[in-house]
Every structure is written in C-alpha cells, then in structure tokens.
Amino acid sequence: MFESLASKLQDVFQRLRGKGTLRESDVDEALREIRLALLEADVNFRVVKDLCARIKERAVGREILESLTPGQQVVGIVHEELCAVLGGDLDGRLQFAPQPPTIVMAVGLQGSGKTTFCAKLGALLRRQGRRPLIAACDIYRPAAIKQLQVIGEQVQVPVFTLGDRQDVVDIARAALAAAASEGRDTVIVDTAGRLHVDEEMMAEVERLEAALHPQEVLLVLDSMTGQDAVNVARTYTDRLGVTGFVLTKLDGDTRGGAAISIRAVAGKPIKFVGVGEKPEALEPFQPERMASRILGMGDVISLVEKAQGLIDEKQARELEKKIRANQFDLDDFLGQLQQVRKMGPLEDLLGALPFFGKGAPKPEVDEGELSRFQAIIQSMTREERQDPAVINGSRRRRIARGSGTSVQEVNRLLNQFTQMRKMFHDINEVQSGRKRMPMGRMPFMR
C-alpha cells in the first residue's frame, strides 16, 4: 500500500540522511519534494500546506541544524507530524455500550465495501470473544441480503433478516430484540448505499440513527477514490453522527490521499482498514504504524501480531524443542511454508521489515516457489521427509515426476532445507555462547 508515495518520500529522506550537515536550503528543497509527492498522492492541498509548515517550523531550528545526525532528526519530525495528521489525539478504538448490545451502523456509498466490512468486523469481534449479530438492512440492492448471509456463514456470524419488504427501522429493531433473546452483545447494521449521495439515502440512515442511537456510526469509504472519499466524508459528517471511518481496499491504494487527508478534513478518526479479501483482512488503524510504513521504517509490530494470530502456541513450543534438539525435518519445513502462506504475500511481509525498505537491497521473491516446494515435500515418503539424507538420485527423479517439477527444483528445496537447519543449529550455538551469528538468506529469495 502507498507504494508510489512511500517511494518518493524515501528518496527524499535517503538524500537527507547522506548529508553530514544540514542547511536551511536543504530543508526547503526537501520540503518542496515532499509537498509535490503529497499533492501527487491526492492529499488535500490544505493538509499538505499545514503539514509542511509544521515540519519546516521544527526542522530549521538550531537543534536540528547543529545536530550530528540532522537527516535522521528531520525524518523523525516528519514521522511525528504525519502521525498527528493520520490520527492525532483522536480515539480510534471501537466504543462499546455499558450494557449490551453495542450497536454499530455501517454507512456509505454502494460499492465501498460495507457488506464485506460488516462480515469482517463480525469475524474480528468473534475472535475477540464477543457474540456479534449482523442485521441485514440493505433492502434495495439485488441479492444484498443473500450476499450477507453467504459471507456471514463463512465467518460463522449469524445474519438477521426479515427479507426486503419490511421497513429498515422495523428490521433493525427486530434484530435488537433477537440479539437480546439470543445473548448477542453486538449488533452490526448493514445499511443500503447508493451510487451517489442523495436525499433519499441520507433520510433513511438518519431515521435508522434516530431509532437505534448507535454507539458507532462508521462511514465505509473506498480508499482508492482519494479526494472523492474525503468529499463523501464531509457530506456524511454534516448529516450523521459519524464516529469514525473505515478505509477499504487499502492494499491496492498506491497513493494514500484519502488516508492522509480524511482525519484532518473531517475531524474523525480512521478506525479500521481493509487490507485484502480474506475475512481476517481487517485491521484496527494505527497512525504510528501507518506513518512508519509510509516513511520506510517498516511495521514489525503488525507483522508479529499477524503471526501470533495464526501460529498455534502448542505447536510452536513443540517446534522449538525439535529445533533445539536438531530434529527439524521436512514435515516441519512444510508446516512453516504453510504458516508463511497464511500470512499473505511475501512481498507484503518483507515490506513490513525496515531493512527491506527503499534503498536496501531487495531479494527476488518467488511466490511460485512456495507452491513447488509444497508439492515436492508432499511427493516424498514419510521416511524421506523425516530423514532427507536417504534421498539419492533415483528418489529425486521419482519425487520430481510425482510433484510435476524438475530434479533441479528438488535439489534447490533440499539445499534450502539444509541451509535452514544449519541456521537453526547456528542459533543454538549462539544462544549457548559458542559462536557468533552468521547472516544467511531466507528461503524463497534469490
């Protein structure tokens, strides 16, 4: 996400970091390029003007110009100011009612991703131990209720509906009654959208808000529409008690204009971002982490949290024991491949690491090699997976035929596995104090 903007900003900071001393003219030149990059990213021009003014005010002070590391100091200032623009002191957490059920209304234009968001939010709340119910209040779009029921079943969150011939307020009130009788603590209301903002749509969601008194009114916006999303946000916040925004399709947004502009323009926090199509691809918005990714500082915390959500603790402890005993085999290697694939595209994972940012040497990432490696291991016998040393020439040819690959690819897998097992051995040696850690390459990179 934000690849275009991030690349341009990181170029600017790379030049600043290379300067031993920093003059005011250097800051002015850098700010001109930052201003242009932000405007090209479709960031609101007033936001750009205010942001650059605050950066300059802090960056041309005596403390920065006389610093031993002025480039890094400026990057730090830009990071802090960008965090303020993205979130500031606004509370981006979901607000829950003192007495359940908590009511969350999702509003927005047709095509922004409201229905999918409702299901993703239900799945997120269910993983957090809550018992959500989704109310199907989009009675206009063809097959909207059916779509919600299908994805609700996929994420194991029940959907309440009275069909498409009832008034939406009656449907929502009946959903609240059903939630109370079933012990549901959160009701997510999926409302109807239109292809453009119109009076009929706004009047209906106003009636719903007045009848339900929701704790959250979340405006769902397509981040890829840039300034159009900001304009829609203005209209909704003028008419409704919008408590926050949801930016969908952020994984496909190379510019970032909506994310950077919307809080400053509309005065409400971004609460969630959609970063993919899978049910778990919904994340609470963290201004500091987003700013770090935009500036090429990585987002290791989010990467760790994603791994924690996917890795079974018991299996992790068992794997650690095998590694310590030097008993790591190809079955374990296969398990790690499958865990990596659950975490998303490898390029996205590397993008979260600061040492693979702009200017750092980037290894080639072969997503297809993950599939080939998996097929190769699954074509082996149990004996071969547990003891790769028995895999001679004839076995390699048989494995290649069975997996639809070549002997060379089988050899590459075995070499990668050998390197990984050696790396684990070296880690054990380092922890015992017997040697220093050598730096190797990760599998699937060339």
Foldseek 3Di string as FASTA:
>chain_A
DQQQLLQQLLVLLVVLQPDQFDALVSLVVSLVSNLVLQVVLLADNVLSVVLSVQLSVPLNDPCLRPDRRNSVVSLVSSLVSLLCLLFNPADQAQDQDPAFAAEEEEDEAPPLCLLLVLLLVCLVVVVVVAQEEEEELALPDPCSQVVSCVSNVVSVHHYQYPHNPDQSLVSVVVVRVVCVVVVHRYYYYRHHHHNDDDDVRLVSVLVNCVSPVHSAYEYRGAQQVAVVRLVRLQVDVVRDVHQEYEYEPPLVSNRRNCSSHNCVSNVHHHQWYANDNDSNRIDGDRSSQVSCLSNLNAAVVVVVVLLVVQDDPVVVVVVLVCLLVLQDWQVNVLVVLVSVVVSDDPVVSLSRHSQCGPPHDDFDADPVLSVLLNLLLVLDDPVCRRPVVVCDDVNLCSSCVRSVHDSVSVVLSVVLVVVVSVQSVQVSCVVVVNDDHDDDDHPRTD
